Amino acid sequence: MIPGDEGRMPLVAHLAELRKRLMICIAGFVVAFAVCFYFSENIFSLLMFPLRGYLVFSIASPHIRYMATPDPPKLYFMGITEAFWMNMKIAMLAGLVLTLPLIFQQVWKFISPGLLLKEKKLASPFVIGGTILFVMGALFCYLIVLPFAIRFLLNYKTQHLTPMLTVGKYMDFCLKFIMAFGIVFELPMFIILLVRMGIVSADTLAKNRKYAILGAVIAAAILTPSPDAFNQILMAIPMVLLYEVGILLARILIRRPAGIG
């Protein structure tokens, strides 16, 4: 064996494993994309919900009811390819969501050889919890944040203005918001994994709360698709609340280390 091969072979095997996991994820995404592209018009109709109505929550019965937006603005496309690319973007995001369990599973299989046995037991919670949290974030944005944000932005000082929304910009706004909230809602899972692996503790998280709030504001400014402070606040507040949820779960895990897995 040539000197130095001992260090190179594991690296080659490591890269081959990474390539294998990536190819599996890509293949799964391609299949999911094809299915979602076929149903892209149906998905588009669902994504019109924030523009056409919103949910109203009440203490009295019915506790949740749907309110239609009076005379919702129409969507236009200004370029020849805009409608086509709108369907492509919808299929890509929906395909990504459908592929998430596979992606989380492949990520875990890639990192699991370097983990201890007790850490490997977190595989199922990681895959299931990560998928559920992303879907929860996407639904929270779709049902609550987007309708509220769109109503506010379309009616704020626009009495003498008529909105002319293009389908491309509307879809970009909605899809980026949904994707960003899905990612943000992964925060408790990320914190739980760090705590279970002994990288961070609940006390450390609590002591650095002020930095977490600052980080939430900065992250919201980066992730929100529009530069206005209103939309950034809509994202920053859930991030701070999710951070607090992570601290609470971390304290529970410290008292009961066998709680997960």
C-alpha atoms as a PDB file:
ATOM      1  CA  MET A   1       0.000   0.000   0.000  1.00  0.00           C
ATOM      2  CA  ILE A   2       1.328   3.438  -0.888  1.00  0.00           C
ATOM      3  CA  PRO A   3       2.109   5.568   2.195  1.00  0.00           C
ATOM      4  CA  GLY A   4      -0.783   7.840   2.975  1.00  0.00           C
ATOM      5  CA  ASP A   5      -3.415   5.576   1.419  1.00  0.00           C
ATOM      6  CA  GLU A   6      -4.790   4.828   4.883  1.00  0.00           C
ATOM      7  CA  GLY A   7      -6.008   8.411   5.143  1.00  0.00           C
ATOM      8  CA  ARG A   8      -7.286   8.634   1.581  1.00  0.00           C
ATOM      9  CA  MET A   9      -9.352   5.477   1.362  1.00  0.00           C
ATOM     10  CA  PRO A  10     -11.794   6.390   4.135  1.00  0.00           C
ATOM     11  CA  LEU A  11     -12.218   9.805   2.473  1.00  0.00           C
ATOM     12  CA  VAL A  12     -12.979   8.170  -0.890  1.00  0.00           C
ATOM     13  CA  ALA A  13     -15.488   5.840   0.781  1.00  0.00           C
ATOM     14  CA  HIS A  14     -16.992   8.831   2.587  1.00  0.00           C
ATOM     15  CA  LEU A  15     -17.440  10.744  -0.683  1.00  0.00           C
ATOM     16  CA  ALA A  16     -18.898   7.666  -2.368  1.00  0.00           C
ATOM     17  CA  GLU A  17     -21.442   7.349   0.447  1.00  0.00           C
ATOM     18  CA  LEU A  18     -22.306  11.037   0.128  1.00  0.00           C
ATOM     19  CA  ARG A  19     -22.789  10.612  -3.628  1.00  0.00           C
ATOM     20  CA  LYS A  20     -25.048   7.612  -3.037  1.00  0.00           C
ATOM     21  CA  ARG A  21     -27.243   9.509  -0.569  1.00  0.00           C
ATOM     22  CA  LEU A  22     -27.456  12.532  -2.888  1.00  0.00           C
ATOM     23  CA  MET A  23     -28.453  10.369  -5.854  1.00  0.00           C
ATOM     24  CA  ILE A  24     -31.221   8.723  -3.818  1.00  0.00           C
ATOM     25  CA  CYS A  25     -32.541  12.145  -2.744  1.00  0.00           C
ATOM     26  CA  ILE A  26     -32.381  13.490  -6.297  1.00  0.00           C
ATOM     27  CA  ALA A  27     -34.169  10.430  -7.705  1.00  0.00           C
ATOM     28  CA  GLY A  28     -36.914  10.746  -5.092  1.00  0.00           C
ATOM     29  CA  PHE A  29     -37.276  14.461  -5.807  1.00  0.00           C
ATOM     30  CA  VAL A  30     -37.539  13.887  -9.574  1.00  0.00           C
ATOM     31  CA  VAL A  31     -40.379  11.394  -9.078  1.00  0.00           C
ATOM     32  CA  ALA A  32     -42.180  13.697  -6.625  1.00  0.00           C
ATOM     33  CA  PHE A  33     -41.659  16.675  -8.953  1.00  0.00           C
ATOM     34  CA  ALA A  34     -43.199  14.808 -11.899  1.00  0.00           C
ATOM     35  CA  VAL A  35     -46.273  13.886  -9.843  1.00  0.00           C
ATOM     36  CA  CYS A  36     -46.668  17.422  -8.471  1.00  0.00           C
ATOM     37  CA  PHE A  37     -46.216  18.993 -11.909  1.00  0.00           C
ATOM     38  CA  TYR A  38     -49.118  16.879 -13.176  1.00  0.00           C
ATOM     39  CA  PHE A  39     -51.289  18.247 -10.345  1.00  0.00           C
ATOM     40  CA  SER A  40     -49.783  21.759 -10.365  1.00  0.00           C
ATOM     41  CA  GLU A  41     -53.092  23.409 -11.317  1.00  0.00           C
ATOM     42  CA  ASN A  42     -54.808  21.802  -8.325  1.00  0.00           C
ATOM     43  CA  ILE A  43     -51.968  22.949  -6.051  1.00  0.00           C
ATOM     44  CA  PHE A  44     -52.207  26.424  -7.569  1.00  0.00           C
ATOM     45  CA  SER A  45     -55.917  26.568  -6.669  1.00  0.00           C
ATOM     46  CA  LEU A  46     -54.995  25.747  -3.058  1.00  0.00           C
ATOM     47  CA  LEU A  47     -52.341  28.483  -3.024  1.00  0.00           C
ATOM     48  CA  MET A  48     -55.014  31.017  -3.984  1.00  0.00           C
ATOM     49  CA  PHE A  49     -56.569  30.621  -0.522  1.00  0.00           C
ATOM     50  CA  PRO A  50     -54.571  33.475   1.122  1.00  0.00           C
ATOM     51  CA  LEU A  51     -55.780  35.825  -1.614  1.00  0.00           C
ATOM     52  CA  ARG A  52     -59.430  34.738  -1.629  1.00  0.00           C
ATOM     53  CA  GLY A  53     -60.167  34.359   2.073  1.00  0.00           C
ATOM     54  CA  TYR A  54     -58.927  33.846   5.608  1.00  0.00           C
ATOM     55  CA  LEU A  55     -59.748  32.002   8.820  1.00  0.00           C
ATOM     56  CA  VAL A  56     -61.419  33.757  11.743  1.00  0.00           C
ATOM     57  CA  PHE A  57     -60.907  32.352  15.236  1.00  0.00           C
ATOM     58  CA  SER A  58     -63.517  32.941  17.941  1.00  0.00           C
ATOM     59  CA  ILE A  59     -64.229  31.817  21.508  1.00  0.00           C
ATOM     60  CA  ALA A  60     -67.888  31.331  20.610  1.00  0.00           C
ATOM     61  CA  SER A  61     -69.052  28.525  18.349  1.00  0.00           C
ATOM     62  CA  PRO A  62     -68.093  28.066  15.549  1.00  0.00           C
ATOM     63  CA  HIS A  63     -64.565  28.520  16.835  1.00  0.00           C
ATOM     64  CA  ILE A  64     -63.038  28.598  13.356  1.00  0.00           C
ATOM     65  CA  ARG A  65     -64.821  29.890  10.283  1.00  0.00           C
ATOM     66  CA  TYR A  66     -63.818  30.852   6.789  1.00  0.00           C
ATOM     67  CA  MET A  67     -64.325  34.430   5.600  1.00  0.00           C
ATOM     68  CA  ALA A  68     -64.195  35.135   1.876  1.00  0.00           C
ATOM     69  CA  THR A  69     -62.337  38.254   0.763  1.00  0.00           C
ATOM     70  CA  PRO A  70     -64.767  40.611  -1.002  1.00  0.00           C
ATOM     71  CA  ASP A  71     -63.726  41.199  -4.615  1.00  0.00           C
ATOM     72  CA  PRO A  72     -60.243  39.590  -4.424  1.00  0.00           C
ATOM     73  CA  PRO A  73     -57.747  40.926  -6.979  1.00  0.00           C
ATOM     74  CA  LYS A  74     -57.158  38.894 -10.130  1.00  0.00           C
ATOM     75  CA  LEU A  75     -53.788  37.471 -11.112  1.00  0.00           C
ATOM     76  CA  TYR A  76     -52.166  38.285 -14.462  1.00  0.00           C
ATOM     77  CA  PHE A  77     -49.133  36.999 -16.290  1.00  0.00           C
ATOM     78  CA  MET A  78     -47.001  39.540 -18.124  1.00  0.00           C
ATOM     79  CA  GLY A  79     -44.603  37.265 -19.988  1.00  0.00           C
ATOM     80  CA  ILE A  80     -45.078  34.320 -22.343  1.00  0.00           C
ATOM     81  CA  THR A  81     -43.285  31.879 -20.036  1.00  0.00           C
ATOM     82  CA  GLU A  82     -44.469  33.284 -16.693  1.00  0.00           C
ATOM     83  CA  ALA A  83     -47.430  30.909 -16.289  1.00  0.00           C
ATOM     84  CA  PHE A  84     -45.275  27.911 -17.225  1.00  0.00           C
ATOM     85  CA  TRP A  85     -42.546  28.792 -14.728  1.00  0.00           C
ATOM     86  CA  MET A  86     -45.190  29.375 -12.075  1.00  0.00           C
ATOM     87  CA  ASN A  87     -46.281  25.749 -12.456  1.00  0.00           C
ATOM     88  CA  MET A  88     -42.635  24.631 -12.361  1.00  0.00           C
ATOM     89  CA  LYS A  89     -42.004  26.471  -9.096  1.00  0.00           C
ATOM     90  CA  ILE A  90     -45.138  25.046  -7.521  1.00  0.00           C
ATOM     91  CA  ALA A  91     -44.131  21.513  -8.547  1.00  0.00           C
ATOM     92  CA  MET A  92     -40.596  22.006  -7.210  1.00  0.00           C
ATOM     93  CA  LEU A  93     -41.710  23.174  -3.768  1.00  0.00           C
ATOM     94  CA  ALA A  94     -44.467  20.565  -3.470  1.00  0.00           C
ATOM     95  CA  GLY A  95     -42.040  17.885  -4.678  1.00  0.00           C
ATOM     96  CA  LEU A  96     -39.502  18.984  -2.071  1.00  0.00           C
ATOM     97  CA  VAL A  97     -42.099  18.711   0.694  1.00  0.00           C
ATOM     98  CA  LEU A  98     -43.070  15.211  -0.453  1.00  0.00           C
ATOM     99  CA  THR A  99     -39.399  14.203  -0.552  1.00  0.00           C
ATOM    100  CA  LEU A 100     -38.601  15.520   2.951  1.00  0.00           C
ATOM    101  CA  PRO A 101     -38.973  12.162   4.783  1.00  0.00           C
ATOM    102  CA  LEU A 102     -36.575  10.576   2.288  1.00  0.00           C
ATOM    103  CA  ILE A 103     -34.127  13.492   2.583  1.00  0.00           C
ATOM    104  CA  PHE A 104     -34.120  13.356   6.390  1.00  0.00           C
ATOM    105  CA  GLN A 105     -33.669   9.594   6.270  1.00  0.00           C
ATOM    106  CA  GLN A 106     -30.687   9.838   3.902  1.00  0.00           C
ATOM    107  CA  VAL A 107     -29.097  12.629   5.943  1.00  0.00           C
ATOM    108  CA  TRP A 108     -29.363  10.468   9.052  1.00  0.00           C
ATOM    109  CA  LYS A 109     -27.932   7.411   7.279  1.00  0.00           C
ATOM    110  CA  PHE A 110     -24.985   9.523   6.149  1.00  0.00           C
ATOM    111  CA  ILE A 111     -24.114  10.843   9.615  1.00  0.00           C
ATOM    112  CA  SER A 112     -25.133   7.781  11.684  1.00  0.00           C
ATOM    113  CA  PRO A 113     -21.880   5.779  11.236  1.00  0.00           C
ATOM    114  CA  GLY A 114     -20.061   8.408  13.305  1.00  0.00           C
ATOM    115  CA  LEU A 115     -22.643   8.438  16.118  1.00  0.00           C
ATOM    116  CA  LEU A 116     -22.889   6.475  19.343  1.00  0.00           C
ATOM    117  CA  LEU A 117     -25.555   3.800  19.788  1.00  0.00           C
ATOM    118  CA  LYS A 118     -27.741   6.051  21.983  1.00  0.00           C
ATOM    119  CA  GLU A 119     -27.505   8.796  19.351  1.00  0.00           C
ATOM    120  CA  LYS A 120     -28.491   6.397  16.558  1.00  0.00           C
ATOM    121  CA  LYS A 121     -31.752   5.745  18.411  1.00  0.00           C
ATOM    122  CA  LEU A 122     -32.784   9.291  17.478  1.00  0.00           C
ATOM    123  CA  ALA A 123     -33.219   8.261  13.826  1.00  0.00           C
ATOM    124  CA  SER A 124     -36.996   7.807  13.877  1.00  0.00           C
ATOM    125  CA  PRO A 125     -37.706  10.986  15.912  1.00  0.00           C
ATOM    126  CA  PHE A 126     -35.380  12.906  13.579  1.00  0.00           C
ATOM    127  CA  VAL A 127     -37.115  11.752  10.383  1.00  0.00           C
ATOM    128  CA  ILE A 128     -40.687  11.913  11.697  1.00  0.00           C
ATOM    129  CA  GLY A 129     -40.246  15.031  13.849  1.00  0.00           C
ATOM    130  CA  GLY A 130     -38.369  16.955  11.170  1.00  0.00           C
ATOM    131  CA  THR A 131     -41.079  16.244   8.592  1.00  0.00           C
ATOM    132  CA  ILE A 132     -43.947  17.085  10.953  1.00  0.00           C
ATOM    133  CA  LEU A 133     -42.340  20.355  12.067  1.00  0.00           C
ATOM    134  CA  PHE A 134     -41.732  21.469   8.473  1.00  0.00           C
ATOM    135  CA  VAL A 135     -45.336  20.702   7.515  1.00  0.00           C
ATOM    136  CA  MET A 136     -46.587  22.511  10.650  1.00  0.00           C
ATOM    137  CA  GLY A 137     -44.556  25.593   9.719  1.00  0.00           C
ATOM    138  CA  ALA A 138     -45.836  25.511   6.136  1.00  0.00           C
ATOM    139  CA  LEU A 139     -49.469  25.141   7.284  1.00  0.00           C
ATOM    140  CA  PHE A 140     -49.088  27.894   9.898  1.00  0.00           C
ATOM    141  CA  CYS A 141     -47.814  30.219   7.190  1.00  0.00           C
ATOM    142  CA  TYR A 142     -50.446  29.130   4.658  1.00  0.00           C
ATOM    143  CA  LEU A 143     -53.478  29.344   6.962  1.00  0.00           C
ATOM    144  CA  ILE A 144     -52.594  32.245   9.261  1.00  0.00           C
ATOM    145  CA  VAL A 145     -49.564  34.318   8.284  1.00  0.00           C
ATOM    146  CA  LEU A 146     -50.071  34.668   4.523  1.00  0.00           C
ATOM    147  CA  PRO A 147     -53.784  35.655   4.592  1.00  0.00           C
ATOM    148  CA  PHE A 148     -53.081  38.216   7.315  1.00  0.00           C
ATOM    149  CA  ALA A 149     -49.986  39.610   5.568  1.00  0.00           C
ATOM    150  CA  ILE A 150     -51.688  39.841   2.165  1.00  0.00           C
ATOM    151  CA  ARG A 151     -54.780  41.582   3.587  1.00  0.00           C
ATOM    152  CA  PHE A 152     -52.599  44.057   5.460  1.00  0.00           C
ATOM    153  CA  LEU A 153     -50.300  44.845   2.541  1.00  0.00           C
ATOM    154  CA  LEU A 154     -53.084  45.165  -0.039  1.00  0.00           C
ATOM    155  CA  ASN A 155     -55.125  47.508   2.155  1.00  0.00           C
ATOM    156  CA  TYR A 156     -52.430  49.623   3.815  1.00  0.00           C
ATOM    157  CA  LYS A 157     -52.721  53.144   2.380  1.00  0.00           C
ATOM    158  CA  THR A 158     -54.039  51.858  -0.960  1.00  0.00           C
ATOM    159  CA  GLN A 159     -57.427  53.617  -1.031  1.00  0.00           C
ATOM    160  CA  HIS A 160     -56.522  55.410  -4.274  1.00  0.00           C
ATOM    161  CA  LEU A 161     -54.562  52.517  -5.789  1.00  0.00           C
ATOM    162  CA  THR A 162     -55.640  49.409  -7.695  1.00  0.00           C
ATOM    163  CA  PRO A 163     -53.512  46.290  -7.253  1.00  0.00           C
ATOM    164  CA  MET A 164     -52.351  44.519 -10.382  1.00  0.00           C
ATOM    165  CA  LEU A 165     -50.742  41.286  -9.214  1.00  0.00           C
ATOM    166  CA  THR A 166     -48.766  39.072 -11.556  1.00  0.00           C
ATOM    167  CA  VAL A 167     -49.022  35.342 -10.977  1.00  0.00           C
ATOM    168  CA  GLY A 168     -45.233  34.974 -10.896  1.00  0.00           C
ATOM    169  CA  LYS A 169     -44.660  37.529  -8.154  1.00  0.00           C
ATOM    170  CA  TYR A 170     -47.631  36.294  -6.128  1.00  0.00           C
ATOM    171  CA  MET A 171     -46.388  32.698  -6.267  1.00  0.00           C
ATOM    172  CA  ASP A 172     -42.834  33.772  -5.427  1.00  0.00           C
ATOM    173  CA  PHE A 173     -44.136  35.674  -2.406  1.00  0.00           C
ATOM    174  CA  CYS A 174     -46.235  32.737  -1.166  1.00  0.00           C
ATOM    175  CA  LEU A 175     -43.755  29.951  -1.879  1.00  0.00           C
ATOM    176  CA  LYS A 176     -40.794  31.775  -0.308  1.00  0.00           C
ATOM    177  CA  PHE A 177     -42.858  32.558   2.783  1.00  0.00           C
ATOM    178  CA  ILE A 178     -44.066  28.952   3.099  1.00  0.00           C
ATOM    179  CA  MET A 179     -40.558  27.560   2.602  1.00  0.00           C
ATOM    180  CA  ALA A 180     -39.049  29.973   5.111  1.00  0.00           C
ATOM    181  CA  PHE A 181     -41.606  29.136   7.807  1.00  0.00           C
ATOM    182  CA  GLY A 182     -41.111  25.431   7.193  1.00  0.00           C
ATOM    183  CA  ILE A 183     -37.376  25.841   7.815  1.00  0.00           C
ATOM    184  CA  VAL A 184     -37.904  28.055  10.868  1.00  0.00           C
ATOM    185  CA  PHE A 185     -40.182  25.488  12.497  1.00  0.00           C
ATOM    186  CA  GLU A 186     -37.274  23.007  12.482  1.00  0.00           C
ATOM    187  CA  LEU A 187     -35.662  25.022  15.293  1.00  0.00           C
ATOM    188  CA  PRO A 188     -37.017  22.908  18.209  1.00  0.00           C
ATOM    189  CA  MET A 189     -35.812  19.706  16.524  1.00  0.00           C
ATOM    190  CA  PHE A 190     -32.387  21.230  15.992  1.00  0.00           C
ATOM    191  CA  ILE A 191     -32.195  22.271  19.650  1.00  0.00           C
ATOM    192  CA  ILE A 192     -33.342  18.832  20.854  1.00  0.00           C
ATOM    193  CA  LEU A 193     -30.638  17.121  18.805  1.00  0.00           C
ATOM    194  CA  LEU A 194     -27.959  19.448  20.180  1.00  0.00           C
ATOM    195  CA  VAL A 195     -29.099  18.794  23.751  1.00  0.00           C
ATOM    196  CA  ARG A 196     -29.272  15.033  23.332  1.00  0.00           C
ATOM    197  CA  MET A 197     -25.765  14.979  21.855  1.00  0.00           C
ATOM    198  CA  GLY A 198     -24.442  17.046  24.766  1.00  0.00           C
ATOM    199  CA  ILE A 199     -23.350  19.964  22.576  1.00  0.00           C
ATOM    200  CA  VAL A 200     -25.514  22.524  24.391  1.00  0.00           C
ATOM    201  CA  SER A 201     -27.603  22.683  27.570  1.00  0.00           C
ATOM    202  CA  ALA A 202     -30.869  24.343  28.518  1.00  0.00           C
ATOM    203  CA  ASP A 203     -29.028  26.732  30.848  1.00  0.00           C
ATOM    204  CA  THR A 204     -26.750  27.827  28.014  1.00  0.00           C
ATOM    205  CA  LEU A 205     -29.756  28.418  25.768  1.00  0.00           C
ATOM    206  CA  ALA A 206     -31.496  30.456  28.463  1.00  0.00           C
ATOM    207  CA  LYS A 207     -28.411  32.576  29.167  1.00  0.00           C
ATOM    208  CA  ASN A 208     -28.042  33.407  25.485  1.00  0.00           C
ATOM    209  CA  ARG A 209     -31.708  34.286  24.967  1.00  0.00           C
ATOM    210  CA  LYS A 210     -30.919  37.906  24.059  1.00  0.00           C
ATOM    211  CA  TYR A 211     -28.553  36.756  21.309  1.00  0.00           C
ATOM    212  CA  ALA A 212     -31.199  34.340  20.051  1.00  0.00           C
ATOM    213  CA  ILE A 213     -33.710  37.208  19.787  1.00  0.00           C
ATOM    214  CA  LEU A 214     -31.172  39.265  17.848  1.00  0.00           C
ATOM    215  CA  GLY A 215     -30.470  36.272  15.625  1.00  0.00           C
ATOM    216  CA  ALA A 216     -34.207  35.796  15.032  1.00  0.00           C
ATOM    217  CA  VAL A 217     -34.549  39.387  13.852  1.00  0.00           C
ATOM    218  CA  ILE A 218     -31.549  39.053  11.525  1.00  0.00           C
ATOM    219  CA  ALA A 219     -32.735  35.692  10.185  1.00  0.00           C
ATOM    220  CA  ALA A 220     -36.230  37.083   9.592  1.00  0.00           C
ATOM    221  CA  ALA A 221     -34.747  39.990   7.633  1.00  0.00           C
ATOM    222  CA  ILE A 222     -32.857  37.491   5.449  1.00  0.00           C
ATOM    223  CA  LEU A 223     -35.593  34.880   5.001  1.00  0.00           C
ATOM    224  CA  THR A 224     -38.646  37.070   4.370  1.00  0.00           C
ATOM    225  CA  PRO A 225     -39.322  37.637   0.651  1.00  0.00           C
ATOM    226  CA  SER A 226     -40.148  41.336   1.115  1.00  0.00           C
ATOM    227  CA  PRO A 227     -38.031  44.036   2.809  1.00  0.00           C
ATOM    228  CA  ASP A 228     -40.816  45.590   4.918  1.00  0.00           C
ATOM    229  CA  ALA A 229     -40.548  45.356   8.707  1.00  0.00           C
ATOM    230  CA  PHE A 230     -44.117  44.053   9.069  1.00  0.00           C
ATOM    231  CA  ASN A 231     -43.389  40.722   7.370  1.00  0.00           C
ATOM    232  CA  GLN A 232     -40.102  40.406   9.232  1.00  0.00           C
ATOM    233  CA  ILE A 233     -41.941  40.751  12.542  1.00  0.00           C
ATOM    234  CA  LEU A 234     -44.418  38.061  11.449  1.00  0.00           C
ATOM    235  CA  MET A 235     -41.495  35.661  11.137  1.00  0.00           C
ATOM    236  CA  ALA A 236     -39.311  36.862  14.028  1.00  0.00           C
ATOM    237  CA  ILE A 237     -42.023  36.356  16.670  1.00  0.00           C
ATOM    238  CA  PRO A 238     -42.602  32.636  15.868  1.00  0.00           C
ATOM    239  CA  MET A 239     -38.823  32.116  15.809  1.00  0.00           C
ATOM    240  CA  VAL A 240     -38.475  33.500  19.319  1.00  0.00           C
ATOM    241  CA  LEU A 241     -41.423  31.396  20.536  1.00  0.00           C
ATOM    242  CA  LEU A 242     -39.935  28.277  18.934  1.00  0.00           C
ATOM    243  CA  TYR A 243     -36.630  29.011  20.649  1.00  0.00           C
ATOM    244  CA  GLU A 244     -38.450  29.120  23.988  1.00  0.00           C
ATOM    245  CA  VAL A 245     -40.167  25.830  23.125  1.00  0.00           C
ATOM    246  CA  GLY A 246     -36.727  24.385  22.442  1.00  0.00           C
ATOM    247  CA  ILE A 247     -35.491  25.524  25.864  1.00  0.00           C
ATOM    248  CA  LEU A 248     -38.533  23.978  27.561  1.00  0.00           C
ATOM    249  CA  LEU A 249     -38.035  20.671  25.755  1.00  0.00           C
ATOM    250  CA  ALA A 250     -34.329  20.766  26.545  1.00  0.00           C
ATOM    251  CA  ARG A 251     -35.053  21.090  30.284  1.00  0.00           C
ATOM    252  CA  ILE A 252     -37.460  18.129  30.071  1.00  0.00           C
ATOM    253  CA  LEU A 253     -34.845  16.070  28.255  1.00  0.00           C
ATOM    254  CA  ILE A 254     -32.229  16.859  30.874  1.00  0.00           C
ATOM    255  CA  ARG A 255     -34.510  15.677  33.666  1.00  0.00           C
ATOM    256  CA  ARG A 256     -35.621  12.644  31.656  1.00  0.00           C
ATOM    257  CA  PRO A 257     -32.785  11.779  29.271  1.00  0.00           C
ATOM    258  CA  ALA A 258     -34.612   8.697  28.000  1.00  0.00           C
ATOM    259  CA  GLY A 259     -37.671  10.709  26.972  1.00  0.00           C
ATOM    260  CA  ILE A 260     -36.931  10.445  23.251  1.00  0.00           C
ATOM    261  CA  GLY A 261     -35.994   7.322  21.429  1.00  0.00           C
END
